[in-house]
Amino acid sequence: MRVLITGGNGQVGYCLTERLNKQSDIDVLSLDLDGLDITDESAVHKVVSEFEPIVIINAAAHTAVDRAESEIELSYAINKNGPKYLAEAANKIDATILHISTDYVFPGDKAGLYQETDATGPQSVYGGSKLAGELEVVNACAKYIILRTAWVFGEVGNNFIRTMLRLGKEREALSIVGDQFGGPTYAGDIANALIAIATKIENNEAVKYGVYHFSGLPHVSWFEFAQAIFNEAKLHGIIEKVPALTSITTADYPTPAKRPVNSKLATDKISNTFNIEASDWQSALKNIEQYV
């Protein structure tokens, strides 16, 4: 199997590259920005036509949610145009594109779990650019899987765990938003899910293309996630004392970009279709020393 990974140095891209490189029967080309700028249409088509992958996994994205509010053109170039060029290149050689998207495509005001069929309604530039990217992929390539996820954390890059551990060592008390809810998702589990789907494609198994949700369970608030992080960090001796945590509201912590209050994604479709279970973020958190 030949797999092209974009965004190879990101949280998910790193895990994908690490896992796929361990499999001798897979030819992997993992590229980050310095190897392939996905906003460069001609460069994308050149790399894809020369490597001829069976599967393209797009893990590249402009994920700086607040900066996106002022970097609108850049956000859409990376999150909309990039996926379009990759999908067009994939379609040209009859390859499949696996594209990572986000909970931010939803307005976040639903009471229950978000299903794949629910109406979208992004409330931020980031969410809008990611939704635009989804639509480009759907329109450009016959064989696609769009994987929406949320609250991603991994061993590399910036994420909530790393931020909490840093602040926990610097401060005795922290205020954490407690009225936004979602499913923390381990980047390694996202990588495993994508690899499982790619393997089915390589084996010529019948694949139901479309949009799927994949995130972690149980659903928690950012405040509850922070509690779990610090408890695990204390258990592993990473911090001597758990800082005093106070739950605050979204209104208490204004940000340039509006966050979804509800980021709870239903994961039954991917489970029923591919036998892929939700990310077990609590188990992943037991390796918390990897985030120091």
Protein backbone atom coordinates (compact mmCIF):
# COMPACT_ATOMS: atom_id res chain seq x y z
CA MET A 1 0.00 0.00 0.00
CA ARG A 2 1.24 3.46 -0.90
CA VAL A 3 0.10 6.22 1.48
CA LEU A 4 0.70 9.95 1.16
CA ILE A 5 0.41 11.88 4.44
CA THR A 6 0.17 15.66 4.51
CA GLY A 7 0.76 17.56 7.75
CA GLY A 8 3.21 14.85 8.76
CA ASN A 9 4.66 16.78 11.69
CA GLY A 10 1.30 17.61 13.28
CA GLN A 11 -0.35 15.74 16.13
CA VAL A 12 -2.18 13.20 13.96
CA GLY A 13 0.34 13.24 11.13
CA TYR A 14 3.15 12.34 13.52
CA CYS A 15 1.22 9.34 14.89
CA LEU A 16 0.25 8.22 11.40
CA THR A 17 3.83 8.40 10.16
CA GLU A 18 5.21 6.60 13.19
CA ARG A 19 2.71 3.75 12.97
CA LEU A 20 2.79 3.28 9.20
CA ASN A 21 6.60 3.33 9.03
CA LYS A 22 6.63 0.28 11.30
CA GLN A 23 4.72 -1.74 8.68
CA SER A 24 7.08 -3.16 6.08
CA ASP A 25 4.37 -3.67 3.48
CA ILE A 26 3.43 0.02 3.37
CA ASP A 27 5.25 2.66 1.32
CA VAL A 28 4.82 5.95 3.16
CA LEU A 29 5.49 9.46 1.94
CA SER A 30 4.95 11.79 4.89
CA LEU A 31 5.30 15.48 4.11
CA ASP A 32 4.90 18.63 6.16
CA LEU A 33 4.86 22.23 4.98
CA ASP A 34 8.55 22.20 4.07
CA GLY A 35 7.97 19.16 1.84
CA LEU A 36 4.59 20.05 0.37
CA ASP A 37 2.59 23.26 0.62
CA ILE A 38 -0.93 21.99 0.00
CA THR A 39 -2.02 25.49 -1.06
CA ASP A 40 0.26 25.14 -4.10
CA GLU A 41 -1.98 23.42 -6.66
CA SER A 42 0.77 22.49 -9.10
CA ALA A 43 3.00 21.12 -6.33
CA VAL A 44 0.14 18.96 -5.02
CA HIS A 45 -0.58 17.46 -8.44
CA LYS A 46 3.12 16.87 -9.08
CA VAL A 47 3.68 14.97 -5.81
CA VAL A 48 0.50 12.89 -6.18
CA SER A 49 1.09 12.00 -9.83
CA GLU A 50 4.70 10.98 -9.16
CA PHE A 51 4.09 8.99 -5.96
CA GLU A 52 0.76 7.50 -7.08
CA PRO A 53 -0.66 6.73 -3.63
CA ILE A 54 -3.58 4.41 -3.07
CA VAL A 55 -4.65 6.60 -0.17
CA ILE A 56 -4.01 10.27 0.64
CA ILE A 57 -4.46 11.20 4.29
CA ASN A 58 -4.80 14.94 4.76
CA ALA A 59 -3.73 15.80 8.29
CA ALA A 60 -2.64 19.33 7.35
CA ALA A 61 -4.71 22.23 8.62
CA HIS A 62 -4.64 25.77 9.94
CA THR A 63 -5.75 25.01 13.50
CA ALA A 64 -4.93 28.28 15.28
CA VAL A 65 -8.59 28.94 16.03
CA ASP A 66 -8.24 32.45 17.45
CA ARG A 67 -5.60 33.61 14.95
CA ALA A 68 -7.87 32.42 12.16
CA GLU A 69 -10.25 35.26 12.98
CA SER A 70 -7.62 37.68 11.64
CA GLU A 71 -5.88 35.28 9.24
CA ILE A 72 -8.95 34.61 7.14
CA GLU A 73 -7.23 34.30 3.77
CA LEU A 74 -4.59 31.94 5.13
CA SER A 75 -7.21 29.81 6.90
CA TYR A 76 -9.23 29.33 3.74
CA ALA A 77 -6.12 28.72 1.64
CA ILE A 78 -5.04 25.84 3.91
CA ASN A 79 -8.39 24.48 5.08
CA LYS A 80 -10.41 24.92 1.86
CA ASN A 81 -8.07 25.15 -1.13
CA GLY A 82 -5.57 22.59 0.13
CA PRO A 83 -8.14 19.80 0.53
CA LYS A 84 -9.62 20.72 -2.86
CA TYR A 85 -6.29 20.30 -4.63
CA LEU A 86 -5.55 17.03 -2.82
CA ALA A 87 -9.00 15.65 -3.59
CA GLU A 88 -8.74 16.62 -7.26
CA ALA A 89 -5.32 15.00 -7.49
CA ALA A 90 -6.62 11.87 -5.76
CA ASN A 91 -9.59 11.66 -8.11
CA LYS A 92 -7.32 11.99 -11.14
CA ILE A 93 -5.48 8.77 -10.23
CA ASP A 94 -8.51 6.99 -8.72
CA ALA A 95 -7.11 7.22 -5.20
CA THR A 96 -9.05 7.68 -1.95
CA ILE A 97 -8.68 10.78 0.21
CA LEU A 98 -9.10 10.55 3.98
CA HIS A 99 -9.64 14.10 5.23
CA ILE A 100 -9.67 15.20 8.87
CA SER A 101 -12.29 17.76 9.85
CA THR A 102 -13.68 19.17 13.08
CA ASP A 103 -16.57 19.63 15.47
CA TYR A 104 -16.33 23.38 14.73
CA VAL A 105 -18.43 22.87 11.59
CA PHE A 106 -21.44 22.73 13.95
CA PRO A 107 -22.96 25.70 15.81
CA GLY A 108 -22.62 23.87 19.14
CA ASP A 109 -26.10 24.73 20.40
CA LYS A 110 -27.68 21.28 20.14
CA ALA A 111 -28.81 19.54 23.32
CA GLY A 112 -27.73 16.03 22.37
CA LEU A 113 -25.01 14.33 20.35
CA TYR A 114 -24.15 15.65 16.90
CA GLN A 115 -24.86 13.14 14.15
CA GLU A 116 -23.15 13.19 10.76
CA THR A 117 -26.46 14.21 9.17
CA ASP A 118 -27.10 17.20 11.45
CA ALA A 119 -27.14 20.66 9.91
CA THR A 120 -23.81 22.46 10.02
CA GLY A 121 -23.45 26.08 11.06
CA PRO A 122 -19.89 27.13 11.93
CA GLN A 123 -19.56 30.10 14.28
CA SER A 124 -15.92 30.93 13.55
CA VAL A 125 -13.56 31.50 10.64
CA TYR A 126 -11.80 28.24 11.49
CA GLY A 127 -15.08 26.31 11.44
CA GLY A 128 -16.19 28.01 8.24
CA SER A 129 -12.92 27.24 6.47
CA LYS A 130 -13.02 23.59 7.57
CA LEU A 131 -16.61 23.18 6.37
CA ALA A 132 -15.62 24.74 3.06
CA GLY A 133 -12.83 22.17 2.83
CA GLU A 134 -15.28 19.33 3.44
CA LEU A 135 -17.49 20.53 0.60
CA GLU A 136 -14.52 20.81 -1.76
CA VAL A 137 -13.49 17.22 -0.98
CA VAL A 138 -17.01 15.92 -1.58
CA ASN A 139 -17.27 17.75 -4.90
CA ALA A 140 -13.78 16.87 -6.16
CA CYS A 141 -13.27 13.20 -5.36
CA ALA A 142 -15.49 10.14 -5.81
CA LYS A 143 -13.69 8.20 -3.09
CA TYR A 144 -13.55 10.14 0.17
CA ILE A 145 -13.82 9.72 3.90
CA ILE A 146 -14.25 12.88 5.98
CA LEU A 147 -13.41 12.21 9.61
CA ARG A 148 -14.69 14.87 12.01
CA THR A 149 -13.01 14.87 15.38
CA ALA A 150 -12.67 17.10 18.45
CA TRP A 151 -10.40 18.14 21.32
CA VAL A 152 -7.32 16.44 19.86
CA PHE A 153 -4.24 15.77 21.97
CA GLY A 154 -1.01 13.97 21.15
CA GLU A 155 2.63 13.63 22.09
CA VAL A 156 3.77 16.43 19.78
CA GLY A 157 2.58 19.97 19.14
CA ASN A 158 0.41 22.24 21.23
CA ASN A 159 -2.63 20.87 23.00
CA PHE A 160 -4.69 21.20 26.17
CA ILE A 161 -2.69 18.62 28.14
CA ARG A 162 0.62 20.33 27.49
CA THR A 163 -0.87 23.72 28.36
CA MET A 164 -2.35 22.43 31.62
CA LEU A 165 0.91 20.76 32.69
CA ARG A 166 2.87 23.94 31.98
CA LEU A 167 0.42 26.18 33.82
CA GLY A 168 0.11 23.67 36.65
CA LYS A 169 3.82 24.05 37.36
CA GLU A 170 3.66 27.84 37.17
CA ARG A 171 0.50 28.61 39.15
CA GLU A 172 -1.19 27.45 42.33
CA ALA A 173 -4.71 28.14 41.02
CA LEU A 174 -6.34 27.92 37.60
CA SER A 175 -9.73 28.89 36.19
CA ILE A 176 -11.02 26.47 33.55
CA VAL A 177 -14.12 26.73 31.36
CA GLY A 178 -16.76 24.35 32.66
CA ASP A 179 -19.72 24.95 30.32
CA GLN A 180 -18.24 23.63 27.07
CA PHE A 181 -18.53 19.88 26.57
CA GLY A 182 -16.89 17.42 24.19
CA GLY A 183 -14.89 14.25 23.77
CA PRO A 184 -11.11 14.51 24.21
CA THR A 185 -9.52 12.50 21.40
CA TYR A 186 -6.06 10.92 21.37
CA ALA A 187 -4.22 11.59 18.10
CA GLY A 188 -2.91 8.02 18.11
CA ASP A 189 -6.47 6.70 18.12
CA ILE A 190 -7.35 8.94 15.17
CA ALA A 191 -4.30 7.54 13.36
CA ASN A 192 -5.37 3.97 14.14
CA ALA A 193 -8.88 4.67 12.85
CA LEU A 194 -7.55 6.11 9.58
CA ILE A 195 -5.13 3.22 9.13
CA ALA A 196 -7.94 0.70 9.69
CA ILE A 197 -10.00 2.38 6.96
CA ALA A 198 -7.00 2.63 4.62
CA THR A 199 -6.32 -1.08 5.11
CA LYS A 200 -9.86 -1.96 4.05
CA ILE A 201 -9.40 0.15 0.94
CA GLU A 202 -6.09 -1.57 0.15
CA ASN A 203 -7.74 -4.97 0.59
CA ASN A 204 -10.46 -3.97 -1.89
CA GLU A 205 -13.15 -4.39 0.75
CA ALA A 206 -16.42 -2.57 0.20
CA VAL A 207 -16.07 0.84 1.79
CA LYS A 208 -18.98 3.18 2.48
CA TYR A 209 -17.56 6.57 1.58
CA GLY A 210 -18.88 9.67 3.31
CA VAL A 211 -18.68 11.63 6.54
CA TYR A 212 -17.89 9.99 9.89
CA HIS A 213 -17.46 11.21 13.44
CA PHE A 214 -14.62 9.96 15.62
CA SER A 215 -13.87 11.36 19.05
CA GLY A 216 -13.39 10.31 22.66
CA LEU A 217 -15.62 9.00 25.41
CA PRO A 218 -16.73 9.78 28.02
CA HIS A 219 -17.79 13.31 27.18
CA VAL A 220 -16.60 15.89 29.69
CA SER A 221 -16.20 19.62 30.16
CA TRP A 222 -12.82 21.31 29.81
CA PHE A 223 -12.88 21.67 33.61
CA GLU A 224 -13.43 17.94 34.08
CA PHE A 225 -10.73 17.17 31.52
CA ALA A 226 -8.32 19.40 33.44
CA GLN A 227 -9.16 17.59 36.68
CA ALA A 228 -8.35 14.26 35.06
CA ILE A 229 -5.08 15.59 33.64
CA PHE A 230 -3.85 16.91 36.97
CA ASN A 231 -4.90 13.82 38.89
CA GLU A 232 -2.94 11.67 36.45
CA ALA A 233 0.03 14.04 36.54
CA LYS A 234 0.10 13.90 40.34
CA LEU A 235 -0.11 10.10 40.23
CA HIS A 236 2.90 9.95 37.91
CA GLY A 237 4.91 12.44 39.94
CA ILE A 238 4.94 15.04 37.18
CA ILE A 239 3.60 17.67 39.56
CA GLU A 240 3.91 17.73 43.32
CA LYS A 241 0.60 19.41 43.99
CA VAL A 242 -2.63 19.73 42.02
CA PRO A 243 -3.46 23.42 41.54
CA ALA A 244 -6.74 24.73 42.88
CA LEU A 245 -9.20 24.56 39.99
CA THR A 246 -12.20 26.84 39.57
CA SER A 247 -14.92 26.21 36.98
CA ILE A 248 -15.83 29.33 35.02
CA THR A 249 -18.24 30.08 32.18
CA THR A 250 -17.45 30.81 28.55
CA ALA A 251 -18.51 34.41 29.18
CA ASP A 252 -15.83 34.65 31.88
CA TYR A 253 -13.13 33.75 29.37
CA PRO A 254 -13.75 35.69 26.13
CA THR A 255 -11.75 34.67 23.05
CA PRO A 256 -11.56 36.08 19.51
CA ALA A 257 -13.19 32.94 18.09
CA LYS A 258 -16.49 31.57 19.35
CA ARG A 259 -16.19 27.98 20.63
CA PRO A 260 -18.99 25.41 20.32
CA VAL A 261 -20.67 24.90 23.69
CA ASN A 262 -21.55 21.36 22.66
CA SER A 263 -18.87 19.41 20.79
CA LYS A 264 -20.28 15.98 21.59
CA LEU A 265 -20.00 13.88 18.45
CA ALA A 266 -21.97 10.65 18.01
CA THR A 267 -19.57 7.85 17.04
CA ASP A 268 -22.01 4.99 16.39
CA LYS A 269 -21.78 5.29 12.59
CA ILE A 270 -18.04 4.61 12.41
CA SER A 271 -18.45 1.85 14.99
CA ASN A 272 -21.22 0.13 13.05
CA THR A 273 -19.59 0.59 9.64
CA PHE A 274 -15.91 -0.04 10.34
CA ASN A 275 -15.98 -1.62 13.82
CA ILE A 276 -13.93 1.33 15.10
CA GLU A 277 -14.71 2.27 18.69
CA ALA A 278 -14.52 5.76 20.20
CA SER A 279 -11.17 7.02 21.47
CA ASP A 280 -10.45 5.93 25.04
CA TRP A 281 -8.86 9.18 26.19
CA GLN A 282 -8.66 8.06 29.80
CA SER A 283 -6.37 5.18 28.84
CA ALA A 284 -4.28 7.46 26.63
CA LEU A 285 -3.91 9.85 29.56
CA LYS A 286 -2.07 7.15 31.51
CA ASN A 287 0.94 7.88 29.28
CA ILE A 288 0.93 11.47 30.48
CA GLU A 289 4.70 11.50 30.97
CA GLN A 290 4.96 11.66 27.17
CA TYR A 291 3.52 15.20 27.30
CA VAL A 292 6.11 16.74 29.58
